[in-house]
Amino acid sequence: DGIDILFLPIGGGEVLGPKDAYKLALSIEPKRIIPMHYNPKDTASLGAFLKEAGESGNSQSDKITLKKKDLLENEGEVLVLKIT
């Protein structure tokens, strides 16, 4: 019944840029979106992606635990993992 978690490259260059990545995510309609493939030292791509997604903050998590029941709420939520 669709995509639960979408790992989405947003770094530009050889992968999708932030704007195109978000358009793709909208067309797929995942329950959660986890951006990846961006430079952690230059978060411009991440910031641009979050702006496209209407996310106000840059809250990053060390880890994410998801349960099936959690996926029933907040379709299209963006989750950002901290890159070390």
Protein backbone atom coordinates (compact mmCIF):
# COMPACT_ATOMS: atom_id res chain seq x y z
CA ASP A 1 0.00 0.00 0.00
CA GLY A 2 2.75 2.48 -0.80
CA ILE A 3 6.12 3.53 0.53
CA ASP A 4 6.60 3.71 4.30
CA ILE A 5 10.13 5.18 4.41
CA LEU A 6 11.86 6.93 1.51
CA PHE A 7 15.62 7.49 1.70
CA LEU A 8 16.02 10.40 -0.69
CA PRO A 9 19.31 11.74 -2.13
CA ILE A 10 19.22 15.56 -2.06
CA GLY A 11 22.84 16.64 -2.53
CA GLY A 12 22.69 17.92 -6.09
CA GLY A 13 25.40 17.21 -8.64
CA GLU A 14 25.02 13.57 -9.65
CA VAL A 15 21.90 13.15 -7.53
CA LEU A 16 18.70 15.17 -7.32
CA GLY A 17 18.85 18.73 -6.12
CA PRO A 18 16.67 19.71 -3.14
CA LYS A 19 13.76 21.08 -5.17
CA ASP A 20 13.58 18.14 -7.59
CA ALA A 21 14.03 15.67 -4.73
CA TYR A 22 11.04 17.10 -2.89
CA LYS A 23 8.92 17.02 -6.06
CA LEU A 24 9.80 13.33 -6.43
CA ALA A 25 8.91 12.66 -2.80
CA LEU A 26 5.52 14.32 -3.30
CA SER A 27 4.79 12.11 -6.29
CA ILE A 28 5.69 8.94 -4.35
CA GLU A 29 3.75 9.98 -1.21
CA PRO A 30 5.88 8.19 1.43
CA LYS A 31 4.92 8.17 5.08
CA ARG A 32 8.42 9.31 6.16
CA ILE A 33 11.24 10.95 4.20
CA ILE A 34 14.88 10.65 5.26
CA PRO A 35 17.17 12.95 3.25
CA MET A 36 20.65 11.64 2.46
CA HIS A 37 23.66 12.17 0.22
CA TYR A 38 24.36 15.77 1.22
CA ASN A 39 27.52 17.30 2.62
CA PRO A 40 27.21 17.48 6.43
CA LYS A 41 29.73 20.36 6.52
CA ASP A 42 27.72 22.39 4.01
CA THR A 43 24.07 22.00 4.93
CA ALA A 44 22.76 24.30 2.18
CA SER A 45 21.20 21.34 0.33
CA LEU A 46 19.56 20.08 3.49
CA GLY A 47 18.29 23.56 4.35
CA ALA A 48 16.88 24.05 0.86
CA PHE A 49 15.17 20.64 1.01
CA LEU A 50 13.63 21.37 4.41
CA LYS A 51 12.41 24.74 3.12
CA GLU A 52 10.74 23.03 0.12
CA ALA A 53 9.14 20.56 2.53
CA GLY A 54 7.85 23.37 4.75
CA GLU A 55 9.94 22.17 7.68
CA SER A 56 10.89 25.06 9.94
CA GLY A 57 13.81 23.63 11.91
CA ASN A 58 16.86 21.54 11.31
CA SER A 59 16.25 19.06 14.11
CA GLN A 60 18.59 16.11 13.69
CA SER A 61 18.42 12.79 15.52
CA ASP A 62 21.23 10.38 16.37
CA LYS A 63 18.88 7.48 15.78
CA ILE A 64 15.29 6.89 14.80
CA THR A 65 13.03 4.11 16.01
CA LEU A 66 9.86 3.54 14.05
CA LYS A 67 7.00 1.19 14.69
CA LYS A 68 4.29 0.31 12.20
CA LYS A 69 1.71 2.21 14.27
CA ASP A 70 3.92 5.34 14.07
CA LEU A 71 3.70 5.24 10.29
CA LEU A 72 -0.05 5.72 10.37
CA GLU A 73 0.36 9.34 11.49
CA ASN A 74 1.86 12.45 9.83
CA GLU A 75 2.26 11.29 6.23
CA GLY A 76 5.23 12.94 4.49
CA GLU A 77 7.11 13.77 7.69
CA VAL A 78 10.80 14.55 7.15
CA LEU A 79 13.25 12.89 9.55
CA VAL A 80 16.90 14.03 9.56
CA LEU A 81 19.61 11.74 10.86
CA LYS A 82 22.72 13.35 12.33
CA ILE A 83 25.76 12.64 10.18
CA THR A 84 29.03 12.30 12.04
